[in-house]
C-alpha atoms as a PDB file:
ATOM      1  CA  MET A   1       0.000   0.000   0.000  1.00  0.00           C
ATOM      2  CA  ILE A   2       2.902   2.358   0.711  1.00  0.00           C
ATOM      3  CA  ILE A   3       4.100   1.882  -2.875  1.00  0.00           C
ATOM      4  CA  LEU A   4       0.743   3.152  -4.135  1.00  0.00           C
ATOM      5  CA  TYR A   5       1.069   6.311  -2.019  1.00  0.00           C
ATOM      6  CA  ILE A   6       4.596   6.835  -3.312  1.00  0.00           C
ATOM      7  CA  ILE A   7       3.419   6.503  -6.926  1.00  0.00           C
ATOM      8  CA  ILE A   8       0.526   8.918  -6.372  1.00  0.00           C
ATOM      9  CA  GLY A   9       2.824  11.402  -4.620  1.00  0.00           C
ATOM     10  CA  MET A  10       5.371  11.217  -7.411  1.00  0.00           C
ATOM     11  CA  ALA A  11       2.615  11.760 -10.004  1.00  0.00           C
ATOM     12  CA  ILE A  12       1.387  14.855  -8.172  1.00  0.00           C
ATOM     13  CA  VAL A  13       4.889  16.265  -7.714  1.00  0.00           C
ATOM     14  CA  THR A  14       5.564  15.738 -11.425  1.00  0.00           C
ATOM     15  CA  ALA A  15       2.224  17.019 -12.730  1.00  0.00           C
ATOM     16  CA  VAL A  16       1.742  20.166 -10.635  1.00  0.00           C
ATOM     17  CA  PRO A  17       4.819  22.056 -11.929  1.00  0.00           C
ATOM     18  CA  ARG A  18       3.694  21.285 -15.465  1.00  0.00           C
ATOM     19  CA  PHE A  19       0.082  22.362 -15.045  1.00  0.00           C
ATOM     20  CA  ILE A  20       0.656  25.601 -13.149  1.00  0.00           C
ATOM     21  CA  PRO A  21       2.587  27.383 -15.950  1.00  0.00           C
ATOM     22  CA  ALA A  22       0.117  26.162 -18.557  1.00  0.00           C
ATOM     23  CA  ILE A  23      -2.770  27.617 -16.587  1.00  0.00           C
ATOM     24  CA  LEU A  24      -1.094  30.878 -15.572  1.00  0.00           C
ATOM     25  CA  VAL A  25       0.594  31.830 -18.856  1.00  0.00           C
ATOM     26  CA  ASP A  26      -2.734  32.247 -20.653  1.00  0.00           C
ATOM     27  CA  ARG A  27      -3.789  34.904 -18.152  1.00  0.00           C
ATOM     28  CA  PHE A  28      -0.772  37.172 -18.700  1.00  0.00           C
ATOM     29  CA  VAL A  29      -0.003  39.405 -21.668  1.00  0.00           C
ATOM     30  CA  PHE A  30       3.726  39.702 -22.211  1.00  0.00           C
ATOM     31  CA  ARG A  31       5.573  42.391 -24.123  1.00  0.00           C
ATOM     32  CA  ASP A  32       6.901  41.539 -27.580  1.00  0.00           C
ATOM     33  CA  TRP A  33      10.536  41.244 -26.460  1.00  0.00           C
ATOM     34  CA  MET A  34       9.497  38.831 -23.711  1.00  0.00           C
ATOM     35  CA  ASN A  35       7.508  36.699 -26.164  1.00  0.00           C
ATOM     36  CA  ARG A  36      10.504  36.505 -28.512  1.00  0.00           C
ATOM     37  CA  TRP A  37      12.731  35.496 -25.598  1.00  0.00           C
ATOM     38  CA  LEU A  38      10.288  32.846 -24.407  1.00  0.00           C
ATOM     39  CA  GLN A  39       9.960  31.431 -27.913  1.00  0.00           C
ATOM     40  CA  ALA A  40      13.746  30.895 -28.059  1.00  0.00           C
ATOM     41  CA  ILE A  41      13.839  28.741 -24.916  1.00  0.00           C
ATOM     42  CA  PRO A  42      12.798  25.455 -26.604  1.00  0.00           C
ATOM     43  CA  TYR A  43      15.618  25.806 -29.144  1.00  0.00           C
ATOM     44  CA  ALA A  44      18.162  26.535 -26.419  1.00  0.00           C
ATOM     45  CA  ALA A  45      16.982  23.563 -24.360  1.00  0.00           C
ATOM     46  CA  LEU A  46      17.038  21.299 -27.404  1.00  0.00           C
ATOM     47  CA  GLY A  47      20.567  22.416 -28.211  1.00  0.00           C
ATOM     48  CA  ALA A  48      21.669  21.743 -24.635  1.00  0.00           C
ATOM     49  CA  LEU A  49      20.248  18.225 -24.874  1.00  0.00           C
ATOM     50  CA  ILE A  50      21.603  17.391 -28.321  1.00  0.00           C
ATOM     51  CA  PHE A  51      25.108  18.904 -28.251  1.00  0.00           C
ATOM     52  CA  PRO A  52      26.611  16.521 -25.635  1.00  0.00           C
ATOM     53  CA  GLY A  53      25.277  13.603 -27.660  1.00  0.00           C
ATOM     54  CA  ILE A  54      26.934  14.953 -30.785  1.00  0.00           C
ATOM     55  CA  LEU A  55      30.305  15.032 -29.046  1.00  0.00           C
ATOM     56  CA  SER A  56      29.954  11.548 -27.576  1.00  0.00           C
ATOM     57  CA  VAL A  57      28.953   9.572 -30.672  1.00  0.00           C
ATOM     58  CA  LYS A  58      32.341   7.875 -30.709  1.00  0.00           C
ATOM     59  CA  GLU A  59      34.861   8.664 -27.969  1.00  0.00           C
ATOM     60  CA  ASP A  60      37.996   8.306 -30.070  1.00  0.00           C
ATOM     61  CA  ALA A  61      36.494  10.204 -33.049  1.00  0.00           C
ATOM     62  CA  PRO A  62      34.300  13.137 -31.962  1.00  0.00           C
ATOM     63  CA  HIS A  63      34.527  14.623 -35.462  1.00  0.00           C
ATOM     64  CA  ILE A  64      32.002  12.023 -36.640  1.00  0.00           C
ATOM     65  CA  GLY A  65      29.301  13.421 -34.391  1.00  0.00           C
ATOM     66  CA  ILE A  66      30.223  16.975 -35.295  1.00  0.00           C
ATOM     67  CA  ILE A  67      29.912  16.195 -39.010  1.00  0.00           C
ATOM     68  CA  GLY A  68      26.542  14.531 -38.355  1.00  0.00           C
ATOM     69  CA  GLY A  69      25.403  17.639 -36.472  1.00  0.00           C
ATOM     70  CA  ILE A  70      26.535  19.886 -39.315  1.00  0.00           C
ATOM     71  CA  VAL A  71      24.650  17.748 -41.842  1.00  0.00           C
ATOM     72  CA  ALA A  72      21.514  17.921 -39.670  1.00  0.00           C
ATOM     73  CA  THR A  73      21.879  21.700 -39.383  1.00  0.00           C
ATOM     74  CA  LEU A  74      22.249  22.107 -43.151  1.00  0.00           C
ATOM     75  CA  LEU A  75      19.286  19.850 -43.889  1.00  0.00           C
ATOM     76  CA  ALA A  76      17.139  21.750 -41.396  1.00  0.00           C
ATOM     77  CA  TYR A  77      18.314  25.085 -42.820  1.00  0.00           C
ATOM     78  CA  ILE A  78      17.143  24.199 -46.329  1.00  0.00           C
ATOM     79  CA  GLY A  79      13.731  23.402 -44.866  1.00  0.00           C
ATOM     80  CA  LEU A  80      13.464  19.625 -44.946  1.00  0.00           C
ATOM     81  CA  ASN A  81      10.978  17.825 -42.760  1.00  0.00           C
ATOM     82  CA  ILE A  82      12.366  16.869 -39.334  1.00  0.00           C
ATOM     83  CA  ILE A  83      12.174  13.159 -40.212  1.00  0.00           C
ATOM     84  CA  PHE A  84      14.493  13.683 -43.181  1.00  0.00           C
ATOM     85  CA  VAL A  85      16.845  15.782 -41.063  1.00  0.00           C
ATOM     86  CA  VAL A  86      17.126  13.017 -38.466  1.00  0.00           C
ATOM     87  CA  ILE A  87      17.505  10.280 -41.094  1.00  0.00           C
ATOM     88  CA  GLY A  88      20.156  12.312 -42.920  1.00  0.00           C
ATOM     89  CA  ALA A  89      22.171  12.824 -39.740  1.00  0.00           C
ATOM     90  CA  ILE A  90      21.873   9.159 -38.751  1.00  0.00           C
ATOM     91  CA  MET A  91      22.940   8.001 -42.213  1.00  0.00           C
ATOM     92  CA  THR A  92      25.897  10.381 -42.183  1.00  0.00           C
ATOM     93  CA  VAL A  93      27.117   9.106 -38.825  1.00  0.00           C
ATOM     94  CA  TYR A  94      26.514   5.487 -39.859  1.00  0.00           C
ATOM     95  CA  ILE A  95      28.504   5.868 -43.080  1.00  0.00           C
ATOM     96  CA  LEU A  96      31.361   7.683 -41.328  1.00  0.00           C
ATOM     97  CA  MET A  97      31.549   5.022 -38.599  1.00  0.00           C
ATOM     98  CA  MET A  98      31.981   2.305 -41.233  1.00  0.00           C
ATOM     99  CA  PHE A  99      35.359   3.788 -42.218  1.00  0.00           C
END
């Protein structure tokens, strides 16, 4: 029974911080500069999550991950769908790791 209480408590502790901003943000009107800043946060967070993975693709050859990241950046820049960007980066890293 204690496990059930732990699971419920963990669910509440996880859910509440996610629901509060979603409820409160709709009630506020932010200035334009603040909206632009807030819109950049997902890209910054995504970069912080992806960049360490790029450098650790292969420990003795970090250039492989860097080249894969550059390919993904170029494919995204030309406007390809995210699926093609991911597949292109994976294929680049796969081909480079074969050599």
